[in-house]
């Protein structure tokens, strides 16, 4: 009994409860969407989402007991394995309905998973290990070049898949880790300058495909590209029709936003729960961010801090981009809303990432619980 009590004390149950609340809203929203569309015979995605959420919570709890430092040191095992799955996807990958990138691998019983999601976890652990290893001379040219080279490995494989949304998430996630690791402000300024210079090259240098340019132009000329903006326009109508308190979930007058259970689930939640409910959902997400950064700040070592920063960067980037898509502020690039969007692999990977954060908290008790959040 004492051991069980100690486990409960050491586990951030509020953190897990908020994640579970997000998953519950997701599952109920998906159920409502399929019921509204009279597609209850295809309720399988709802069951998958529920199962993935339960499995994810269990995995997060289990991973929290594993020392994150040991997982970082095992990069020679999990990084090649994750890259191997990415390579396998090049040969047997397929694109599910509503997508164009062959970034998924089919599994028995009609299931599938996305290797690039698994590679996110491996990338966070691997970079955290090397940042810890070179923490005292991170700004030396040779060391920095090595770190950039390591970071480019997963980026290269995502680039080969031509998955724009996932690529952007990787870039933001890795940039957050480099920034938090203590890169010289001069180098950060140089990197920002390089990005600014690269933007016109991307646009005028025939690097972006025509459909990518059209998606961007459509944001500024919605009337001219009405067919391109149709899904986003429907999503915005859904968000606006929710007004203050929302229409409720199990009603028949919802707007028919295409693929609302996928990348546009935020619009359905806003329509169902209204402005008040949407703010509450956003507060849940922001609390998770604050808690992750709080654990990062109090970590006893660099690797623990950067594991948390990597998870924060991943979740923050996905959330901002997804909601930006729903509000027609950003082009549609197939980025999921963590814990909400339909997708077993995405849900389980997010919970595994949360498990890593809980591991940092559990294995840094003195540093983490001296006060504050």
Protein backbone atom coordinates (compact mmCIF):
# COMPACT_ATOMS: atom_id res chain seq x y z
CA UNK A 1 0.00 0.00 0.00
CA UNK A 2 2.84 2.38 0.80
CA UNK A 3 4.36 1.71 -2.62
CA UNK A 4 1.05 2.38 -4.39
CA UNK A 5 0.62 5.57 -2.38
CA UNK A 6 4.12 6.67 -3.34
CA UNK A 7 3.43 5.98 -7.03
CA UNK A 8 0.27 8.08 -6.87
CA UNK A 9 2.13 10.94 -5.17
CA UNK A 10 4.93 10.85 -7.76
CA UNK A 11 2.54 10.78 -10.73
CA UNK A 12 1.13 14.05 -12.03
CA UNK A 13 -2.48 12.87 -12.00
CA UNK A 14 -3.83 16.34 -12.86
CA UNK A 15 -1.68 16.36 -16.00
CA UNK A 16 -2.95 12.93 -17.05
CA UNK A 17 -6.54 13.87 -16.18
CA UNK A 18 -6.43 16.92 -18.44
CA UNK A 19 -5.02 14.81 -21.30
CA UNK A 20 -7.79 12.27 -20.72
CA UNK A 21 -10.38 15.08 -20.77
CA UNK A 22 -9.08 16.23 -24.16
CA UNK A 23 -9.35 12.66 -25.44
CA UNK A 24 -12.87 12.32 -24.08
CA UNK A 25 -13.95 15.48 -25.91
CA UNK A 26 -12.31 14.11 -29.06
CA UNK A 27 -14.08 10.74 -28.90
CA UNK A 28 -17.47 12.29 -28.12
CA UNK A 29 -17.03 14.83 -30.91
CA UNK A 30 -16.21 12.10 -33.40
CA UNK A 31 -19.23 10.08 -32.28
CA UNK A 32 -21.41 13.15 -32.78
CA UNK A 33 -19.93 13.84 -36.22
CA UNK A 34 -20.62 10.33 -37.51
CA UNK A 35 -24.09 10.31 -35.96
CA UNK A 36 -24.89 13.66 -37.60
CA UNK A 37 -23.65 12.32 -40.95
CA UNK A 38 -25.75 9.15 -40.49
CA UNK A 39 -22.60 7.11 -40.85
CA UNK A 40 -22.81 5.07 -37.67
CA UNK A 41 -22.11 1.95 -39.72
CA UNK A 42 -18.62 3.40 -40.16
CA UNK A 43 -18.18 4.10 -36.45
CA UNK A 44 -14.85 2.25 -36.54
CA UNK A 45 -12.77 5.51 -36.34
CA UNK A 46 -14.53 6.34 -33.06
CA UNK A 47 -13.63 2.94 -31.62
CA UNK A 48 -10.04 3.30 -32.84
CA UNK A 49 -9.79 6.76 -31.26
CA UNK A 50 -11.14 5.48 -27.95
CA UNK A 51 -8.85 2.45 -27.98
CA UNK A 52 -5.82 4.54 -28.92
CA UNK A 53 -6.57 6.99 -26.11
CA UNK A 54 -6.82 4.22 -23.51
CA UNK A 55 -3.66 2.53 -24.78
CA UNK A 56 -1.91 5.90 -24.86
CA UNK A 57 -2.77 6.71 -21.24
CA UNK A 58 -1.49 3.30 -20.13
CA UNK A 59 1.73 3.75 -22.15
CA UNK A 60 2.25 7.25 -20.71
CA UNK A 61 1.98 5.82 -17.21
CA UNK A 62 4.40 2.97 -18.01
CA UNK A 63 6.94 5.21 -19.78
CA UNK A 64 6.92 7.57 -16.79
CA UNK A 65 8.62 4.81 -14.76
CA UNK A 66 11.43 4.41 -17.31
CA UNK A 67 14.38 6.74 -16.80
CA UNK A 68 14.35 9.12 -19.75
CA UNK A 69 18.16 9.27 -19.63
CA UNK A 70 18.33 5.56 -20.47
CA UNK A 71 15.95 6.09 -23.40
CA UNK A 72 18.13 8.94 -24.67
CA UNK A 73 21.21 6.72 -24.47
CA UNK A 74 19.46 4.03 -26.51
CA UNK A 75 19.38 6.26 -29.61
CA UNK A 76 21.53 3.71 -31.47
CA UNK A 77 18.56 1.35 -31.28
CA UNK A 78 15.41 3.43 -31.63
CA UNK A 79 16.69 5.94 -34.23
CA UNK A 80 17.75 3.30 -36.81
CA UNK A 81 14.50 1.41 -36.13
CA UNK A 82 12.40 4.54 -36.74
CA UNK A 83 14.36 5.38 -39.88
CA UNK A 84 13.97 1.79 -41.04
CA UNK A 85 10.20 2.18 -40.79
CA UNK A 86 10.42 5.37 -42.84
CA UNK A 87 12.41 3.53 -45.52
CA UNK A 88 9.90 0.67 -45.45
CA UNK A 89 7.15 3.23 -46.00
CA UNK A 90 8.82 4.24 -49.28
CA UNK A 91 8.11 0.76 -50.66
CA UNK A 92 4.83 -0.32 -49.08
CA UNK A 93 3.36 2.98 -47.87
CA UNK A 94 -0.17 4.03 -48.75
CA UNK A 95 -2.29 7.17 -48.55
CA UNK A 96 -5.54 6.88 -46.53
CA UNK A 97 -8.75 8.54 -47.74
CA UNK A 98 -8.49 12.31 -47.62
CA UNK A 99 -4.70 12.38 -47.96
CA UNK A 100 -2.23 12.30 -50.84
CA UNK A 101 1.02 11.33 -49.10
CA UNK A 102 1.94 7.66 -48.92
CA UNK A 103 3.17 8.04 -45.35
CA UNK A 104 1.25 5.19 -43.69
CA UNK A 105 1.90 1.45 -43.38
CA UNK A 106 -1.00 -0.98 -43.38
CA UNK A 107 -1.38 -3.37 -40.44
CA UNK A 108 -3.65 -6.39 -39.96
CA UNK A 109 -7.34 -5.93 -39.11
CA UNK A 110 -7.58 -2.77 -41.18
CA UNK A 111 -5.28 -0.76 -38.92
CA UNK A 112 -2.41 1.47 -40.01
CA UNK A 113 0.28 3.66 -38.53
CA UNK A 114 2.46 6.58 -39.59
CA UNK A 115 6.24 6.01 -39.10
CA UNK A 116 7.01 9.75 -39.13
CA UNK A 117 5.07 10.05 -35.86
CA UNK A 118 7.29 7.44 -34.23
CA UNK A 119 10.37 9.20 -35.58
CA UNK A 120 9.33 12.36 -33.69
CA UNK A 121 9.87 10.63 -30.35
CA UNK A 122 13.19 9.18 -31.45
CA UNK A 123 14.34 12.58 -32.74
CA UNK A 124 13.55 14.26 -29.42
CA UNK A 125 15.41 11.60 -27.43
CA UNK A 126 18.41 11.54 -29.78
CA UNK A 127 18.90 15.30 -29.89
CA UNK A 128 18.45 15.52 -26.11
CA UNK A 129 21.25 12.99 -25.66
CA UNK A 130 23.68 14.89 -27.87
CA UNK A 131 22.79 18.28 -26.42
CA UNK A 132 23.58 16.84 -22.99
CA UNK A 133 26.83 15.37 -24.28
CA UNK A 134 28.03 18.64 -25.82
CA UNK A 135 26.42 21.09 -23.39
CA UNK A 136 29.71 22.77 -22.49
CA UNK A 137 30.85 23.53 -26.04
CA UNK A 138 27.62 23.67 -28.00
CA UNK A 139 28.58 26.85 -29.88
CA UNK A 140 31.83 25.48 -31.27
CA UNK A 141 31.68 25.18 -35.04
CA UNK A 142 32.47 21.45 -35.20
CA UNK A 143 30.02 20.57 -32.45
CA UNK A 144 27.25 22.73 -33.89
CA UNK A 145 27.80 21.26 -37.34
CA UNK A 146 27.50 17.76 -35.87
CA UNK A 147 24.28 18.64 -34.05
CA UNK A 148 22.79 20.17 -37.20
CA UNK A 149 23.82 17.07 -39.16
CA UNK A 150 22.06 14.81 -36.65
CA UNK A 151 18.94 16.99 -36.79
CA UNK A 152 18.93 16.83 -40.59
CA UNK A 153 18.68 13.03 -40.64
CA UNK A 154 14.98 12.78 -39.69
CA UNK A 155 14.20 15.96 -41.64
CA UNK A 156 15.64 14.37 -44.79
CA UNK A 157 13.37 11.33 -44.57
CA UNK A 158 10.28 13.45 -43.93
CA UNK A 159 11.31 15.64 -46.88
CA UNK A 160 11.50 12.56 -49.10
CA UNK A 161 7.90 11.71 -48.16
CA UNK A 162 6.82 15.22 -49.32
CA UNK A 163 4.68 15.61 -46.22
CA UNK A 164 4.69 19.41 -45.87
CA UNK A 165 2.77 19.51 -42.61
CA UNK A 166 4.94 16.96 -40.83
CA UNK A 167 8.09 18.61 -42.16
CA UNK A 168 7.03 21.96 -40.70
CA UNK A 169 6.36 20.34 -37.32
CA UNK A 170 9.84 18.79 -37.32
CA UNK A 171 11.48 22.11 -38.19
CA UNK A 172 9.68 23.99 -35.41
CA UNK A 173 10.21 21.22 -32.85
CA UNK A 174 13.94 21.00 -33.58
CA UNK A 175 14.29 24.81 -33.67
CA UNK A 176 12.76 24.99 -30.17
CA UNK A 177 15.28 22.45 -28.90
CA UNK A 178 18.24 24.31 -30.43
CA UNK A 179 17.02 27.59 -28.96
CA UNK A 180 16.53 26.10 -25.48
CA UNK A 181 19.93 24.38 -25.62
CA UNK A 182 21.66 27.76 -25.50
CA UNK A 183 22.69 28.47 -29.06
CA UNK A 184 24.43 31.83 -29.41
CA UNK A 185 22.02 34.72 -30.15
CA UNK A 186 24.23 35.67 -33.10
CA UNK A 187 23.76 32.22 -34.61
CA UNK A 188 20.02 32.40 -34.01
CA UNK A 189 19.94 35.79 -35.74
CA UNK A 190 21.91 34.37 -38.66
CA UNK A 191 19.47 31.45 -38.93
CA UNK A 192 16.47 33.78 -38.93
CA UNK A 193 18.14 35.90 -41.61
CA UNK A 194 18.80 32.81 -43.72
CA UNK A 195 15.13 31.83 -43.49
CA UNK A 196 14.03 35.31 -44.58
CA UNK A 197 16.41 35.20 -47.54
CA UNK A 198 15.24 31.67 -48.44
CA UNK A 199 11.54 32.59 -48.66
CA UNK A 200 11.68 34.37 -52.03
CA UNK A 201 13.96 31.61 -53.31
CA UNK A 202 11.36 29.03 -52.34
CA UNK A 203 8.62 31.00 -54.08
CA UNK A 204 10.38 32.07 -57.29
CA UNK A 205 12.90 29.25 -57.59
CA UNK A 206 10.38 26.57 -58.66
CA UNK A 207 10.95 24.73 -55.38
CA UNK A 208 7.33 24.93 -54.27
CA UNK A 209 4.82 23.00 -56.37
CA UNK A 210 2.04 24.95 -58.05
CA UNK A 211 -0.65 23.53 -55.76
CA UNK A 212 1.37 24.67 -52.72
CA UNK A 213 1.52 28.22 -54.07
CA UNK A 214 -2.20 28.18 -54.81
CA UNK A 215 -3.01 27.16 -51.23
CA UNK A 216 -1.04 30.16 -49.97
CA UNK A 217 -2.47 32.59 -52.52
CA UNK A 218 -5.99 31.42 -51.71
CA UNK A 219 -5.66 32.87 -48.20
CA UNK A 220 -5.22 36.34 -49.70
CA UNK A 221 -7.61 35.91 -52.64
CA UNK A 222 -10.39 33.67 -51.26
CA UNK A 223 -12.94 34.70 -53.92
CA UNK A 224 -10.57 33.91 -56.77
CA UNK A 225 -9.73 30.51 -55.32
CA UNK A 226 -13.14 29.66 -53.87
CA UNK A 227 -12.85 25.94 -54.67
CA UNK A 228 -9.51 25.70 -52.85
CA UNK A 229 -10.91 27.54 -49.81
CA UNK A 230 -14.17 25.58 -49.69
CA UNK A 231 -13.25 23.30 -46.78
CA UNK A 232 -11.77 26.16 -44.77
CA UNK A 233 -14.78 28.38 -45.49
CA UNK A 234 -17.08 25.65 -44.25
CA UNK A 235 -14.93 25.31 -41.15
CA UNK A 236 -15.13 29.03 -40.43
CA UNK A 237 -18.91 28.95 -40.87
CA UNK A 238 -19.04 26.13 -38.32
CA UNK A 239 -16.92 28.09 -35.85
CA UNK A 240 -19.06 31.21 -36.23
CA UNK A 241 -22.37 29.35 -35.99
CA UNK A 242 -21.42 28.09 -32.52
CA UNK A 243 -21.79 31.63 -31.17
CA UNK A 244 -21.45 31.94 -27.37
CA UNK A 245 -22.68 28.63 -25.94
CA UNK A 246 -22.74 26.38 -29.01
CA UNK A 247 -25.38 24.21 -30.62
CA UNK A 248 -24.61 21.11 -28.58
CA UNK A 249 -23.18 17.83 -29.86
CA UNK A 250 -26.00 15.40 -30.61
CA UNK A 251 -28.12 17.73 -32.74
CA UNK A 252 -29.08 17.67 -36.42
CA UNK A 253 -28.31 21.22 -37.49
CA UNK A 254 -24.53 21.04 -37.65
CA UNK A 255 -22.69 22.44 -40.65
CA UNK A 256 -21.29 19.74 -42.95
CA UNK A 257 -17.57 20.56 -42.88
CA UNK A 258 -15.65 17.99 -44.97
CA UNK A 259 -13.52 15.61 -42.88
CA UNK A 260 -14.60 17.36 -39.68
CA UNK A 261 -13.38 14.40 -37.60
CA UNK A 262 -9.88 14.83 -39.00
CA UNK A 263 -7.99 18.11 -39.41
CA UNK A 264 -11.14 20.21 -38.86
CA UNK A 265 -12.35 18.74 -35.58
CA UNK A 266 -11.64 22.10 -33.91
CA UNK A 267 -14.36 23.70 -36.05
CA UNK A 268 -16.87 21.05 -34.95
CA UNK A 269 -15.94 21.51 -31.28
CA UNK A 270 -16.33 25.28 -31.66
CA UNK A 271 -19.74 24.81 -33.29
CA UNK A 272 -20.86 22.40 -30.57
CA UNK A 273 -19.46 24.17 -27.50
CA UNK A 274 -19.47 27.78 -28.68
CA UNK A 275 -17.03 30.50 -27.70
CA UNK A 276 -17.13 29.61 -24.00
CA UNK A 277 -16.48 25.91 -24.60
CA UNK A 278 -13.75 26.64 -27.13
CA UNK A 279 -11.95 28.90 -24.64
CA UNK A 280 -12.13 26.12 -22.03
CA UNK A 281 -10.63 23.64 -24.50
CA UNK A 282 -7.84 26.07 -25.36
CA UNK A 283 -7.17 26.61 -21.65
CA UNK A 284 -6.74 22.85 -21.22
CA UNK A 285 -4.19 22.82 -24.03
CA UNK A 286 -2.34 25.88 -22.69
CA UNK A 287 -2.20 24.31 -19.22
CA UNK A 288 -0.47 21.29 -20.74
CA UNK A 289 2.07 23.59 -22.41
CA UNK A 290 2.74 25.48 -19.17
CA UNK A 291 3.12 22.27 -17.19
CA UNK A 292 5.55 20.81 -19.74
CA UNK A 293 7.68 23.97 -19.72
CA UNK A 294 7.54 24.08 -15.92
CA UNK A 295 8.97 20.56 -15.76
CA UNK A 296 11.59 21.51 -18.35
CA UNK A 297 12.66 24.54 -16.30
CA UNK A 298 13.14 22.50 -13.14
CA UNK A 299 14.86 19.51 -14.71
CA UNK A 300 18.20 18.61 -13.12
CA UNK A 301 19.96 18.12 -16.45
CA UNK A 302 20.02 19.38 -20.02
CA UNK A 303 18.61 16.19 -21.55
CA UNK A 304 15.53 16.27 -19.29
CA UNK A 305 14.85 19.92 -20.12
CA UNK A 306 15.20 19.35 -23.84
CA UNK A 307 13.00 16.26 -23.85
CA UNK A 308 10.26 18.49 -22.42
CA UNK A 309 11.04 21.35 -24.80
CA UNK A 310 10.90 18.96 -27.76
CA UNK A 311 7.50 17.65 -26.67
CA UNK A 312 6.29 21.22 -26.13
CA UNK A 313 7.56 22.29 -29.56
CA UNK A 314 5.78 19.36 -31.22
CA UNK A 315 2.44 19.95 -29.48
CA UNK A 316 2.57 23.75 -29.76
CA UNK A 317 3.41 23.70 -33.48
CA UNK A 318 0.66 21.20 -34.28
CA UNK A 319 -1.92 23.13 -32.26
CA UNK A 320 -1.11 26.56 -33.71
CA UNK A 321 -0.95 25.30 -37.29
CA UNK A 322 -4.13 23.21 -37.01
CA UNK A 323 -6.17 26.02 -35.48
CA UNK A 324 -4.65 28.42 -38.03
CA UNK A 325 -5.95 26.12 -40.77
CA UNK A 326 -9.42 26.08 -39.20
CA UNK A 327 -9.47 29.89 -39.01
CA UNK A 328 -8.19 30.27 -42.61
CA UNK A 329 -5.07 32.00 -41.33
CA UNK A 330 -2.81 29.24 -42.66
CA UNK A 331 -3.10 26.90 -45.66
CA UNK A 332 -4.36 23.35 -45.21
CA UNK A 333 -1.27 21.14 -44.87
CA UNK A 334 -2.61 18.12 -43.02
CA UNK A 335 -1.50 18.83 -39.44
CA UNK A 336 -3.40 17.17 -36.59
CA UNK A 337 -4.66 18.80 -33.39
CA UNK A 338 -2.90 16.79 -30.63
CA UNK A 339 -5.21 14.43 -28.69
CA UNK A 340 -8.25 15.63 -30.68
CA UNK A 341 -7.83 14.77 -34.37
CA UNK A 342 -8.73 11.25 -35.47
CA UNK A 343 -5.68 9.01 -35.81
CA UNK A 344 -4.52 6.13 -33.63
CA UNK A 345 -0.81 6.63 -34.30
CA UNK A 346 -0.94 10.35 -33.58
CA UNK A 347 -2.82 9.89 -30.30
CA UNK A 348 -0.54 7.11 -29.03
CA UNK A 349 2.62 9.04 -29.97
CA UNK A 350 1.40 12.17 -28.17
CA UNK A 351 0.71 10.11 -25.06
CA UNK A 352 4.15 8.49 -25.32
CA UNK A 353 5.62 12.00 -25.50
CA UNK A 354 3.61 12.93 -22.41
CA UNK A 355 5.01 9.81 -20.74
CA UNK A 356 8.52 11.12 -21.41
CA UNK A 357 7.63 14.42 -19.74
CA UNK A 358 6.25 12.52 -16.75
CA UNK A 359 9.48 10.50 -16.69
CA UNK A 360 11.49 13.72 -16.40
CA UNK A 361 9.24 14.80 -13.54
CA UNK A 362 9.48 11.44 -11.76
CA UNK A 363 13.27 11.14 -12.05
CA UNK A 364 13.98 14.72 -10.98
CA UNK A 365 11.89 14.89 -7.80
CA UNK A 366 14.08 17.30 -5.80
CA UNK A 367 14.58 19.72 -8.66
CA UNK A 368 10.97 19.63 -9.82
CA UNK A 369 8.93 19.86 -6.67
CA UNK A 370 10.63 22.57 -4.65
CA UNK A 371 7.66 24.82 -5.36
CA UNK A 372 5.51 26.30 -8.09
CA UNK A 373 3.65 24.50 -10.86
